[in-house]
Amino acid sequence: MGNDALLYRMLAAVMKGYIDKNTTNKIMKMKGRKLSELTDQELLQEAKKMKSTAITNAILIGFLMGIVFYSIAKNSVGFFTLIPLFLAFKLINNSKYSKKELESLLSERNLK
């Protein structure tokens, strides 16, 4: 989604009363910020969010792999076997920031 589309959707949500302007400002500040530009508190929040996201992704990937193995055992490799594989691939590569970069910044700032 491009920045213009994001701005349009956020503006529409604010006008309809779904989200307030403070939330919109926070979203726009976080969008496009480099990891080194985050404050200590934001960096710790990002590390916590990355950890919980990794656990959730691991559970979902395990579930999807179970579907793939069951599908292969019952039938054969087909189109519907490839869909869970694609979803697992997207979950694996969905990281916003690099884990190594985050850990190096945390150790550099003595936050962990």
PDB file of N, CA and C in Angstrom:
ATOM      1  N   MET A   1       0.856  -1.164   0.000  1.00  0.00           N
ATOM      2  CA  MET A   1       0.000   0.000   0.000  1.00  0.00           C
ATOM      3  C   MET A   1       0.903   1.228   0.000  1.00  0.00           C
ATOM      4  N   GLY A   2       0.631   2.139  -0.888  1.00  0.00           N
ATOM      5  CA  GLY A   2       1.432   3.344  -0.980  1.00  0.00           C
ATOM      6  C   GLY A   2       1.104   4.328   0.123  1.00  0.00           C
ATOM      7  N   ASN A   3       1.942   5.335   0.261  1.00  0.00           N
ATOM      8  CA  ASN A   3       1.737   6.338   1.304  1.00  0.00           C
ATOM      9  C   ASN A   3       0.469   7.141   1.063  1.00  0.00           C
ATOM     10  N   ASP A   4       0.156   7.426  -0.203  1.00  0.00           N
ATOM     11  CA  ASP A   4      -1.059   8.189  -0.501  1.00  0.00           C
ATOM     12  C   ASP A   4      -2.310   7.420  -0.105  1.00  0.00           C
ATOM     13  N   ALA A   5      -2.319   6.127  -0.391  1.00  0.00           N
ATOM     14  CA  ALA A   5      -3.476   5.310  -0.029  1.00  0.00           C
ATOM     15  C   ALA A   5      -3.618   5.220   1.489  1.00  0.00           C
ATOM     16  N   LEU A   6      -2.484   5.114   2.183  1.00  0.00           N
ATOM     17  CA  LEU A   6      -2.512   5.060   3.645  1.00  0.00           C
ATOM     18  C   LEU A   6      -3.055   6.373   4.216  1.00  0.00           C
ATOM     19  N   LEU A   7      -2.586   7.482   3.693  1.00  0.00           N
ATOM     20  CA  LEU A   7      -3.075   8.779   4.157  1.00  0.00           C
ATOM     21  C   LEU A   7      -4.572   8.933   3.909  1.00  0.00           C
ATOM     22  N   TYR A   8      -5.030   8.498   2.738  1.00  0.00           N
ATOM     23  CA  TYR A   8      -6.445   8.610   2.408  1.00  0.00           C
ATOM     24  C   TYR A   8      -7.288   7.770   3.357  1.00  0.00           C
ATOM     25  N   ARG A   9      -6.849   6.545   3.621  1.00  0.00           N
ATOM     26  CA  ARG A   9      -7.612   5.683   4.527  1.00  0.00           C
ATOM     27  C   ARG A   9      -7.628   6.231   5.945  1.00  0.00           C
ATOM     28  N   MET A  10      -6.495   6.753   6.392  1.00  0.00           N
ATOM     29  CA  MET A  10      -6.443   7.307   7.747  1.00  0.00           C
ATOM     30  C   MET A  10      -7.312   8.547   7.852  1.00  0.00           C
ATOM     31  N   LEU A  11      -7.300   9.384   6.827  1.00  0.00           N
ATOM     32  CA  LEU A  11      -8.145  10.574   6.830  1.00  0.00           C
ATOM     33  C   LEU A  11      -9.617  10.192   6.873  1.00  0.00           C
ATOM     34  N   ALA A  12      -9.988   9.189   6.084  1.00  0.00           N
ATOM     35  CA  ALA A  12     -11.374   8.727   6.082  1.00  0.00           C
ATOM     36  C   ALA A  12     -11.762   8.154   7.443  1.00  0.00           C
ATOM     37  N   ALA A  13     -10.852   7.422   8.078  1.00  0.00           N
ATOM     38  CA  ALA A  13     -11.142   6.838   9.393  1.00  0.00           C
ATOM     39  C   ALA A  13     -11.292   7.924  10.450  1.00  0.00           C
ATOM     40  N   VAL A  14     -10.470   8.973  10.368  1.00  0.00           N
ATOM     41  CA  VAL A  14     -10.578  10.079  11.323  1.00  0.00           C
ATOM     42  C   VAL A  14     -11.895  10.803  11.132  1.00  0.00           C
ATOM     43  N   MET A  15     -12.270  11.040   9.885  1.00  0.00           N
ATOM     44  CA  MET A  15     -13.516  11.766   9.612  1.00  0.00           C
ATOM     45  C   MET A  15     -14.738  10.975  10.067  1.00  0.00           C
ATOM     46  N   LYS A  16     -14.666   9.657   9.957  1.00  0.00           N
ATOM     47  CA  LYS A  16     -15.786   8.826  10.387  1.00  0.00           C
ATOM     48  C   LYS A  16     -15.785   8.600  11.896  1.00  0.00           C
ATOM     49  N   GLY A  17     -14.711   8.960  12.564  1.00  0.00           N
ATOM     50  CA  GLY A  17     -14.642   8.810  14.010  1.00  0.00           C
ATOM     51  C   GLY A  17     -14.117   7.459  14.469  1.00  0.00           C
ATOM     52  N   TYR A  18     -13.575   6.660  13.553  1.00  0.00           N
ATOM     53  CA  TYR A  18     -13.050   5.348  13.942  1.00  0.00           C
ATOM     54  C   TYR A  18     -11.774   5.473  14.763  1.00  0.00           C
ATOM     55  N   ILE A  19     -10.895   6.378  14.367  1.00  0.00           N
ATOM     56  CA  ILE A  19      -9.664   6.605  15.113  1.00  0.00           C
ATOM     57  C   ILE A  19      -9.511   8.096  15.352  1.00  0.00           C
ATOM     58  N   ASP A  20      -8.777   8.439  16.396  1.00  0.00           N
ATOM     59  CA  ASP A  20      -8.578   9.848  16.690  1.00  0.00           C
ATOM     60  C   ASP A  20      -7.290  10.352  16.034  1.00  0.00           C
ATOM     61  N   LYS A  21      -7.085  11.657  16.081  1.00  0.00           N
ATOM     62  CA  LYS A  21      -5.946  12.270  15.407  1.00  0.00           C
ATOM     63  C   LYS A  21      -4.627  11.901  16.063  1.00  0.00           C
ATOM     64  N   ASN A  22      -4.613  11.684  17.391  1.00  0.00           N
ATOM     65  CA  ASN A  22      -3.378  11.298  18.068  1.00  0.00           C
ATOM     66  C   ASN A  22      -2.872   9.952  17.575  1.00  0.00           C
ATOM     67  N   THR A  23      -3.786   9.007  17.398  1.00  0.00           N
ATOM     68  CA  THR A  23      -3.409   7.696  16.879  1.00  0.00           C
ATOM     69  C   THR A  23      -2.868   7.819  15.469  1.00  0.00           C
ATOM     70  N   THR A  24      -3.493   8.653  14.665  1.00  0.00           N
ATOM     71  CA  THR A  24      -3.037   8.872  13.298  1.00  0.00           C
ATOM     72  C   THR A  24      -1.628   9.449  13.285  1.00  0.00           C
ATOM     73  N   ASN A  25      -1.362  10.400  14.158  1.00  0.00           N
ATOM     74  CA  ASN A  25      -0.021  10.981  14.226  1.00  0.00           C
ATOM     75  C   ASN A  25       1.015   9.948  14.642  1.00  0.00           C
ATOM     76  N   LYS A  26       0.672   9.085  15.596  1.00  0.00           N
ATOM     77  CA  LYS A  26       1.599   8.038  16.034  1.00  0.00           C
ATOM     78  C   LYS A  26       1.903   7.074  14.897  1.00  0.00           C
ATOM     79  N   ILE A  27       0.871   6.712  14.153  1.00  0.00           N
ATOM     80  CA  ILE A  27       1.064   5.790  13.027  1.00  0.00           C
ATOM     81  C   ILE A  27       1.981   6.417  11.985  1.00  0.00           C
ATOM     82  N   MET A  28       1.758   7.672  11.667  1.00  0.00           N
ATOM     83  CA  MET A  28       2.572   8.333  10.647  1.00  0.00           C
ATOM     84  C   MET A  28       4.007   8.526  11.123  1.00  0.00           C
ATOM     85  N   LYS A  29       4.207   8.734  12.426  1.00  0.00           N
ATOM     86  CA  LYS A  29       5.565   8.875  12.941  1.00  0.00           C
ATOM     87  C   LYS A  29       6.310   7.556  12.870  1.00  0.00           C
ATOM     88  N   MET A  30       5.626   6.458  13.196  1.00  0.00           N
ATOM     89  CA  MET A  30       6.277   5.152  13.180  1.00  0.00           C
ATOM     90  C   MET A  30       6.509   4.661  11.757  1.00  0.00           C
ATOM     91  N   LYS A  31       5.652   5.039  10.833  1.00  0.00           N
ATOM     92  CA  LYS A  31       5.788   4.591   9.446  1.00  0.00           C
ATOM     93  C   LYS A  31       6.999   5.251   8.822  1.00  0.00           C
ATOM     94  N   GLY A  32       7.941   4.468   8.389  1.00  0.00           N
ATOM     95  CA  GLY A  32       9.091   5.005   7.692  1.00  0.00           C
ATOM     96  C   GLY A  32      10.240   5.443   8.587  1.00  0.00           C
ATOM     97  N   ARG A  33      10.141   5.263   9.888  1.00  0.00           N
ATOM     98  CA  ARG A  33      11.243   5.617  10.774  1.00  0.00           C
ATOM     99  C   ARG A  33      12.252   4.487  10.805  1.00  0.00           C
ATOM    100  N   LYS A  34      13.505   4.867  10.830  1.00  0.00           N
ATOM    101  CA  LYS A  34      14.554   3.867  10.940  1.00  0.00           C
ATOM    102  C   LYS A  34      14.649   3.413  12.391  1.00  0.00           C
ATOM    103  N   LEU A  35      15.212   2.251  12.561  1.00  0.00           N
ATOM    104  CA  LEU A  35      15.332   1.682  13.893  1.00  0.00           C
ATOM    105  C   LEU A  35      16.237   2.526  14.780  1.00  0.00           C
ATOM    106  N   SER A  36      17.256   3.124  14.208  1.00  0.00           N
ATOM    107  CA  SER A  36      18.191   3.938  14.996  1.00  0.00           C
ATOM    108  C   SER A  36      17.568   5.263  15.431  1.00  0.00           C
ATOM    109  N   GLU A  37      16.451   5.665  14.804  1.00  0.00           N
ATOM    110  CA  GLU A  37      15.792   6.923  15.156  1.00  0.00           C
ATOM    111  C   GLU A  37      14.795   6.773  16.301  1.00  0.00           C
ATOM    112  N   LEU A  38      14.518   5.539  16.705  1.00  0.00           N
ATOM    113  CA  LEU A  38      13.544   5.305  17.772  1.00  0.00           C
ATOM    114  C   LEU A  38      14.140   5.664  19.126  1.00  0.00           C
ATOM    115  N   THR A  39      13.274   6.108  20.028  1.00  0.00           N
ATOM    116  CA  THR A  39      13.712   6.381  21.397  1.00  0.00           C
ATOM    117  C   THR A  39      13.934   5.063  22.118  1.00  0.00           C
ATOM    118  N   ASP A  40      14.511   5.135  23.316  1.00  0.00           N
ATOM    119  CA  ASP A  40      14.769   3.919  24.091  1.00  0.00           C
ATOM    120  C   ASP A  40      13.478   3.171  24.390  1.00  0.00           C
ATOM    121  N   GLN A  41      12.453   3.899  24.785  1.00  0.00           N
ATOM    122  CA  GLN A  41      11.165   3.276  25.115  1.00  0.00           C
ATOM    123  C   GLN A  41      10.553   2.621  23.875  1.00  0.00           C
ATOM    124  N   GLU A  42      10.588   3.299  22.741  1.00  0.00           N
ATOM    125  CA  GLU A  42      10.044   2.730  21.506  1.00  0.00           C
ATOM    126  C   GLU A  42      10.843   1.517  21.055  1.00  0.00           C
ATOM    127  N   LEU A  43      12.141   1.550  21.287  1.00  0.00           N
ATOM    128  CA  LEU A  43      13.001   0.427  20.923  1.00  0.00           C
ATOM    129  C   LEU A  43      12.667  -0.801  21.772  1.00  0.00           C
ATOM    130  N   LEU A  44      12.435  -0.600  23.064  1.00  0.00           N
ATOM    131  CA  LEU A  44      12.045  -1.707  23.933  1.00  0.00           C
ATOM    132  C   LEU A  44      10.677  -2.258  23.552  1.00  0.00           C
ATOM    133  N   GLN A  45       9.746  -1.371  23.185  1.00  0.00           N
ATOM    134  CA  GLN A  45       8.430  -1.818  22.743  1.00  0.00           C
ATOM    135  C   GLN A  45       8.539  -2.629  21.457  1.00  0.00           C
ATOM    136  N   GLU A  46       9.387  -2.191  20.552  1.00  0.00           N
ATOM    137  CA  GLU A  46       9.578  -2.901  19.290  1.00  0.00           C
ATOM    138  C   GLU A  46      10.178  -4.280  19.531  1.00  0.00           C
ATOM    139  N   ALA A  47      11.125  -4.389  20.484  1.00  0.00           N
ATOM    140  CA  ALA A  47      11.713  -5.689  20.820  1.00  0.00           C
ATOM    141  C   ALA A  47      10.660  -6.619  21.411  1.00  0.00           C
ATOM    142  N   LYS A  48       9.810  -6.086  22.282  1.00  0.00           N
ATOM    143  CA  LYS A  48       8.753  -6.886  22.889  1.00  0.00           C
ATOM    144  C   LYS A  48       7.749  -7.346  21.828  1.00  0.00           C
ATOM    145  N   LYS A  49       7.403  -6.433  20.917  1.00  0.00           N
ATOM    146  CA  LYS A  49       6.454  -6.764  19.860  1.00  0.00           C
ATOM    147  C   LYS A  49       7.042  -7.818  18.918  1.00  0.00           C
ATOM    148  N   MET A  50       8.344  -7.699  18.625  1.00  0.00           N
ATOM    149  CA  MET A  50       8.995  -8.658  17.737  1.00  0.00           C
ATOM    150  C   MET A  50       9.016 -10.046  18.365  1.00  0.00           C
ATOM    151  N   LYS A  51       9.210 -10.095  19.677  1.00  0.00           N
ATOM    152  CA  LYS A  51       9.252 -11.381  20.379  1.00  0.00           C
ATOM    153  C   LYS A  51       7.883 -12.060  20.349  1.00  0.00           C
ATOM    154  N   SER A  52       6.833 -11.310  20.630  1.00  0.00           N
ATOM    155  CA  SER A  52       5.495 -11.902  20.623  1.00  0.00           C
ATOM    156  C   SER A  52       5.060 -12.273  19.209  1.00  0.00           C
ATOM    157  N   THR A  53       5.471 -11.487  18.235  1.00  0.00           N
ATOM    158  CA  THR A  53       5.153 -11.800  16.849  1.00  0.00           C
ATOM    159  C   THR A  53       5.856 -13.076  16.405  1.00  0.00           C
ATOM    160  N   ALA A  54       7.082 -13.275  16.856  1.00  0.00           N
ATOM    161  CA  ALA A  54       7.830 -14.480  16.493  1.00  0.00           C
ATOM    162  C   ALA A  54       7.151 -15.726  17.051  1.00  0.00           C
ATOM    163  N   ILE A  55       6.639 -15.648  18.262  1.00  0.00           N
ATOM    164  CA  ILE A  55       5.955 -16.794  18.866  1.00  0.00           C
ATOM    165  C   ILE A  55       4.670 -17.104  18.108  1.00  0.00           C
ATOM    166  N   THR A  56       3.898 -16.078  17.794  1.00  0.00           N
ATOM    167  CA  THR A  56       2.657 -16.263  17.040  1.00  0.00           C
ATOM    168  C   THR A  56       2.944 -16.834  15.661  1.00  0.00           C
ATOM    169  N   ASN A  57       3.968 -16.302  14.996  1.00  0.00           N
ATOM    170  CA  ASN A  57       4.319 -16.802  13.667  1.00  0.00           C
ATOM    171  C   ASN A  57       4.762 -18.260  13.726  1.00  0.00           C
ATOM    172  N   ALA A  58       5.495 -18.641  14.763  1.00  0.00           N
ATOM    173  CA  ALA A  58       5.943 -20.031  14.894  1.00  0.00           C
ATOM    174  C   ALA A  58       4.751 -20.976  15.030  1.00  0.00           C
ATOM    175  N   ILE A  59       3.755 -20.577  15.798  1.00  0.00           N
ATOM    176  CA  ILE A  59       2.556 -21.401  15.966  1.00  0.00           C
ATOM    177  C   ILE A  59       1.801 -21.529  14.648  1.00  0.00           C
ATOM    178  N   LEU A  60       1.637 -20.407  13.952  1.00  0.00           N
ATOM    179  CA  LEU A  60       0.923 -20.435  12.671  1.00  0.00           C
ATOM    180  C   LEU A  60       1.678 -21.240  11.620  1.00  0.00           C
ATOM    181  N   ILE A  61       2.990 -21.116  11.583  1.00  0.00           N
ATOM    182  CA  ILE A  61       3.782 -21.869  10.614  1.00  0.00           C
ATOM    183  C   ILE A  61       3.691 -23.366  10.910  1.00  0.00           C
ATOM    184  N   GLY A  62       3.727 -23.732  12.175  1.00  0.00           N
ATOM    185  CA  GLY A  62       3.566 -25.143  12.548  1.00  0.00           C
ATOM    186  C   GLY A  62       2.214 -25.685  12.124  1.00  0.00           C
ATOM    187  N   PHE A  63       1.174 -24.897  12.323  1.00  0.00           N
ATOM    188  CA  PHE A  63      -0.173 -25.292  11.914  1.00  0.00           C
ATOM    189  C   PHE A  63      -0.246 -25.461  10.398  1.00  0.00           C
ATOM    190  N   LEU A  64       0.319 -24.509   9.665  1.00  0.00           N
ATOM    191  CA  LEU A  64       0.295 -24.578   8.196  1.00  0.00           C
ATOM    192  C   LEU A  64       1.103 -25.767   7.678  1.00  0.00           C
ATOM    193  N   MET A  65       2.231 -26.065   8.320  1.00  0.00           N
ATOM    194  CA  MET A  65       3.020 -27.220   7.903  1.00  0.00           C
ATOM    195  C   MET A  65       2.258 -28.519   8.191  1.00  0.00           C
ATOM    196  N   GLY A  66       1.504 -28.543   9.284  1.00  0.00           N
ATOM    197  CA  GLY A  66       0.651 -29.696   9.570  1.00  0.00           C
ATOM    198  C   GLY A  66      -0.384 -29.909   8.482  1.00  0.00           C
ATOM    199  N   ILE A  67      -0.966 -28.823   7.998  1.00  0.00           N
ATOM    200  CA  ILE A  67      -1.924 -28.906   6.890  1.00  0.00           C
ATOM    201  C   ILE A  67      -1.245 -29.458   5.644  1.00  0.00           C
ATOM    202  N   VAL A  68      -0.040 -28.986   5.365  1.00  0.00           N
ATOM    203  CA  VAL A  68       0.688 -29.453   4.178  1.00  0.00           C
ATOM    204  C   VAL A  68       0.977 -30.952   4.295  1.00  0.00           C
ATOM    205  N   PHE A  69       1.486 -31.399   5.446  1.00  0.00           N
ATOM    206  CA  PHE A  69       1.811 -32.812   5.614  1.00  0.00           C
ATOM    207  C   PHE A  69       0.560 -33.687   5.525  1.00  0.00           C
ATOM    208  N   TYR A  70      -0.527 -33.219   6.116  1.00  0.00           N
ATOM    209  CA  TYR A  70      -1.782 -33.966   6.042  1.00  0.00           C
ATOM    210  C   TYR A  70      -2.266 -34.046   4.597  1.00  0.00           C
ATOM    211  N   SER A  71      -2.170 -32.953   3.871  1.00  0.00           N
ATOM    212  CA  SER A  71      -2.605 -32.909   2.481  1.00  0.00           C
ATOM    213  C   SER A  71      -1.777 -33.853   1.620  1.00  0.00           C
ATOM    214  N   ILE A  72      -0.479 -33.882   1.858  1.00  0.00           N
ATOM    215  CA  ILE A  72       0.389 -34.772   1.085  1.00  0.00           C
ATOM    216  C   ILE A  72       0.093 -36.231   1.425  1.00  0.00           C
ATOM    217  N   ALA A  73      -0.158 -36.533   2.697  1.00  0.00           N
ATOM    218  CA  ALA A  73      -0.433 -37.906   3.111  1.00  0.00           C
ATOM    219  C   ALA A  73      -1.771 -38.398   2.564  1.00  0.00           C
ATOM    220  N   LYS A  74      -2.771 -37.530   2.548  1.00  0.00           N
ATOM    221  CA  LYS A  74      -4.098 -37.930   2.093  1.00  0.00           C
ATOM    222  C   LYS A  74      -4.214 -37.939   0.574  1.00  0.00           C
ATOM    223  N   ASN A  75      -3.694 -36.951  -0.082  1.00  0.00           N
ATOM    224  CA  ASN A  75      -3.826 -36.825  -1.530  1.00  0.00           C
ATOM    225  C   ASN A  75      -2.443 -36.854  -2.154  1.00  0.00           C
ATOM    226  N   SER A  76      -2.144 -35.801  -2.814  1.00  0.00           N
ATOM    227  CA  SER A  76      -0.803 -35.605  -3.358  1.00  0.00           C
ATOM    228  C   SER A  76      -0.536 -34.102  -3.357  1.00  0.00           C
ATOM    229  N   VAL A  77       0.590 -33.714  -3.876  1.00  0.00           N
ATOM    230  CA  VAL A  77       0.920 -32.299  -3.927  1.00  0.00           C
ATOM    231  C   VAL A  77       0.050 -31.662  -4.994  1.00  0.00           C
ATOM    232  N   GLY A  78      -0.720 -30.679  -4.589  1.00  0.00           N
ATOM    233  CA  GLY A  78      -1.603 -29.998  -5.521  1.00  0.00           C
ATOM    234  C   GLY A  78      -1.626 -28.511  -5.250  1.00  0.00           C
ATOM    235  N   PHE A  79      -2.565 -27.834  -5.868  1.00  0.00           N
ATOM    236  CA  PHE A  79      -2.677 -26.392  -5.730  1.00  0.00           C
ATOM    237  C   PHE A  79      -2.970 -25.994  -4.292  1.00  0.00           C
ATOM    238  N   PHE A  80      -3.854 -26.732  -3.627  1.00  0.00           N
ATOM    239  CA  PHE A  80      -4.231 -26.379  -2.262  1.00  0.00           C
ATOM    240  C   PHE A  80      -3.136 -26.701  -1.248  1.00  0.00           C
ATOM    241  N   THR A  81      -2.163 -27.483  -1.657  1.00  0.00           N
ATOM    242  CA  THR A  81      -0.997 -27.721  -0.809  1.00  0.00           C
ATOM    243  C   THR A  81      -0.051 -26.528  -0.861  1.00  0.00           C
ATOM    244  N   LEU A  82      -0.039 -25.847  -1.982  1.00  0.00           N
ATOM    245  CA  LEU A  82       0.870 -24.717  -2.151  1.00  0.00           C
ATOM    246  C   LEU A  82       0.417 -23.465  -1.409  1.00  0.00           C
ATOM    247  N   ILE A  83      -0.867 -23.328  -1.166  1.00  0.00           N
ATOM    248  CA  ILE A  83      -1.378 -22.130  -0.472  1.00  0.00           C
ATOM    249  C   ILE A  83      -0.818 -22.026   0.950  1.00  0.00           C
ATOM    250  N   PRO A  84      -0.867 -23.083   1.779  1.00  0.00           N
ATOM    251  CA  PRO A  84      -0.247 -22.969   3.111  1.00  0.00           C
ATOM    252  C   PRO A  84       1.262 -22.725   3.050  1.00  0.00           C
ATOM    253  N   LEU A  85       1.921 -23.298   2.044  1.00  0.00           N
ATOM    254  CA  LEU A  85       3.363 -23.049   1.894  1.00  0.00           C
ATOM    255  C   LEU A  85       3.631 -21.588   1.603  1.00  0.00           C
ATOM    256  N   PHE A  86       2.812 -20.979   0.751  1.00  0.00           N
ATOM    257  CA  PHE A  86       2.972 -19.558   0.434  1.00  0.00           C
ATOM    258  C   PHE A  86       2.711 -18.700   1.668  1.00  0.00           C
ATOM    259  N   LEU A  87       1.669 -19.026   2.421  1.00  0.00           N
ATOM    260  CA  LEU A  87       1.357 -18.265   3.636  1.00  0.00           C
ATOM    261  C   LEU A  87       2.475 -18.391   4.666  1.00  0.00           C
ATOM    262  N   ALA A  88       3.057 -19.582   4.798  1.00  0.00           N
ATOM    263  CA  ALA A  88       4.172 -19.766   5.724  1.00  0.00           C
ATOM    264  C   ALA A  88       5.373 -18.938   5.285  1.00  0.00           C
ATOM    265  N   PHE A  89       5.633 -18.901   3.989  1.00  0.00           N
ATOM    266  CA  PHE A  89       6.732 -18.088   3.462  1.00  0.00           C
ATOM    267  C   PHE A  89       6.523 -16.610   3.782  1.00  0.00           C
ATOM    268  N   LYS A  90       5.298 -16.125   3.613  1.00  0.00           N
ATOM    269  CA  LYS A  90       5.001 -14.719   3.910  1.00  0.00           C
ATOM    270  C   LYS A  90       5.169 -14.419   5.400  1.00  0.00           C
ATOM    271  N   LEU A  91       4.793 -15.353   6.263  1.00  0.00           N
ATOM    272  CA  LEU A  91       4.959 -15.151   7.702  1.00  0.00           C
ATOM    273  C   LEU A  91       6.435 -15.110   8.089  1.00  0.00           C
ATOM    274  N   ILE A  92       7.229 -15.941   7.447  1.00  0.00           N
ATOM    275  CA  ILE A  92       8.657 -15.978   7.767  1.00  0.00           C
ATOM    276  C   ILE A  92       9.336 -14.677   7.356  1.00  0.00           C
ATOM    277  N   ASN A  93       8.956 -14.116   6.224  1.00  0.00           N
ATOM    278  CA  ASN A  93       9.611 -12.921   5.685  1.00  0.00           C
ATOM    279  C   ASN A  93       8.868 -11.630   5.997  1.00  0.00           C
ATOM    280  N   ASN A  94       8.064 -11.595   7.045  1.00  0.00           N
ATOM    281  CA  ASN A  94       7.224 -10.443   7.337  1.00  0.00           C
ATOM    282  C   ASN A  94       7.840  -9.484   8.354  1.00  0.00           C
ATOM    283  N   SER A  95       9.094  -9.597   8.657  1.00  0.00           N
ATOM    284  CA  SER A  95       9.716  -8.774   9.686  1.00  0.00           C
ATOM    285  C   SER A  95       9.891  -7.332   9.209  1.00  0.00           C
ATOM    286  N   LYS A  96       9.504  -6.388  10.065  1.00  0.00           N
ATOM    287  CA  LYS A  96       9.651  -4.976   9.725  1.00  0.00           C
ATOM    288  C   LYS A  96      11.095  -4.521   9.906  1.00  0.00           C
ATOM    289  N   TYR A  97      11.718  -4.954  10.974  1.00  0.00           N
ATOM    290  CA  TYR A  97      13.103  -4.608  11.265  1.00  0.00           C
ATOM    291  C   TYR A  97      13.926  -5.889  11.381  1.00  0.00           C
ATOM    292  N   SER A  98      15.206  -5.782  11.156  1.00  0.00           N
ATOM    293  CA  SER A  98      16.113  -6.910  11.292  1.00  0.00           C
ATOM    294  C   SER A  98      16.330  -7.223  12.775  1.00  0.00           C
ATOM    295  N   LYS A  99      16.296  -8.502  13.109  1.00  0.00           N
ATOM    296  CA  LYS A  99      16.484  -8.910  14.496  1.00  0.00           C
ATOM    297  C   LYS A  99      17.897  -8.600  14.974  1.00  0.00           C
ATOM    298  N   LYS A 100      18.875  -8.812  14.103  1.00  0.00           N
ATOM    299  CA  LYS A 100      20.261  -8.531  14.474  1.00  0.00           C
ATOM    300  C   LYS A 100      20.476  -7.040  14.709  1.00  0.00           C
ATOM    301  N   GLU A 101      19.878  -6.213  13.869  1.00  0.00           N
ATOM    302  CA  GLU A 101      20.017  -4.763  14.034  1.00  0.00           C
ATOM    303  C   GLU A 101      19.375  -4.315  15.343  1.00  0.00           C
ATOM    304  N   LEU A 102      18.214  -4.876  15.664  1.00  0.00           N
ATOM    305  CA  LEU A 102      17.523  -4.528  16.902  1.00  0.00           C
ATOM    306  C   LEU A 102      18.350  -4.939  18.118  1.00  0.00           C
ATOM    307  N   GLU A 103      18.894  -6.155  18.091  1.00  0.00           N
ATOM    308  CA  GLU A 103      19.707  -6.620  19.219  1.00  0.00           C
ATOM    309  C   GLU A 103      20.981  -5.800  19.379  1.00  0.00           C
ATOM    310  N   SER A 104      21.607  -5.409  18.270  1.00  0.00           N
ATOM    311  CA  SER A 104      22.825  -4.603  18.372  1.00  0.00           C
ATOM    312  C   SER A 104      22.527  -3.216  18.938  1.00  0.00           C
ATOM    313  N   LEU A 105      21.395  -2.621  18.548  1.00  0.00           N
ATOM    314  CA  LEU A 105      21.022  -1.320  19.098  1.00  0.00           C
ATOM    315  C   LEU A 105      20.680  -1.418  20.581  1.00  0.00           C
ATOM    316  N   LEU A 106      20.012  -2.498  20.974  1.00  0.00           N
ATOM    317  CA  LEU A 106      19.692  -2.688  22.390  1.00  0.00           C
ATOM    318  C   LEU A 106      20.955  -2.831  23.226  1.00  0.00           C
ATOM    319  N   SER A 107      21.912  -3.603  22.746  1.00  0.00           N
ATOM    320  CA  SER A 107      23.161  -3.768  23.492  1.00  0.00           C
ATOM    321  C   SER A 107      24.002  -2.503  23.464  1.00  0.00           C
ATOM    322  N   GLU A 108      23.943  -1.756  22.357  1.00  0.00           N
ATOM    323  CA  GLU A 108      24.677  -0.507  22.242  1.00  0.00           C
ATOM    324  C   GLU A 108      24.165   0.534  23.240  1.00  0.00           C
ATOM    325  N   ARG A 109      22.847   0.542  23.439  1.00  0.00           N
ATOM    326  CA  ARG A 109      22.240   1.502  24.368  1.00  0.00           C
ATOM    327  C   ARG A 109      22.112   0.939  25.783  1.00  0.00           C
ATOM    328  N   ASN A 110      22.615  -0.252  26.024  1.00  0.00           N
ATOM    329  CA  ASN A 110      22.546  -0.924  27.329  1.00  0.00           C
ATOM    330  C   ASN A 110      21.111  -1.030  27.839  1.00  0.00           C
ATOM    331  N   LEU A 111      20.215  -1.495  26.973  1.00  0.00           N
ATOM    332  CA  LEU A 111      18.795  -1.567  27.337  1.00  0.00           C
ATOM    333  C   LEU A 111      18.334  -2.975  27.681  1.00  0.00           C
ATOM    334  N   LYS A 112      19.032  -3.987  27.281  1.00  0.00           N
ATOM    335  CA  LYS A 112      18.541  -5.333  27.498  1.00  0.00           C
ATOM    336  C   LYS A 112      19.035  -5.898  28.740  1.00  0.00           C
TER     337      LYS A 112
END
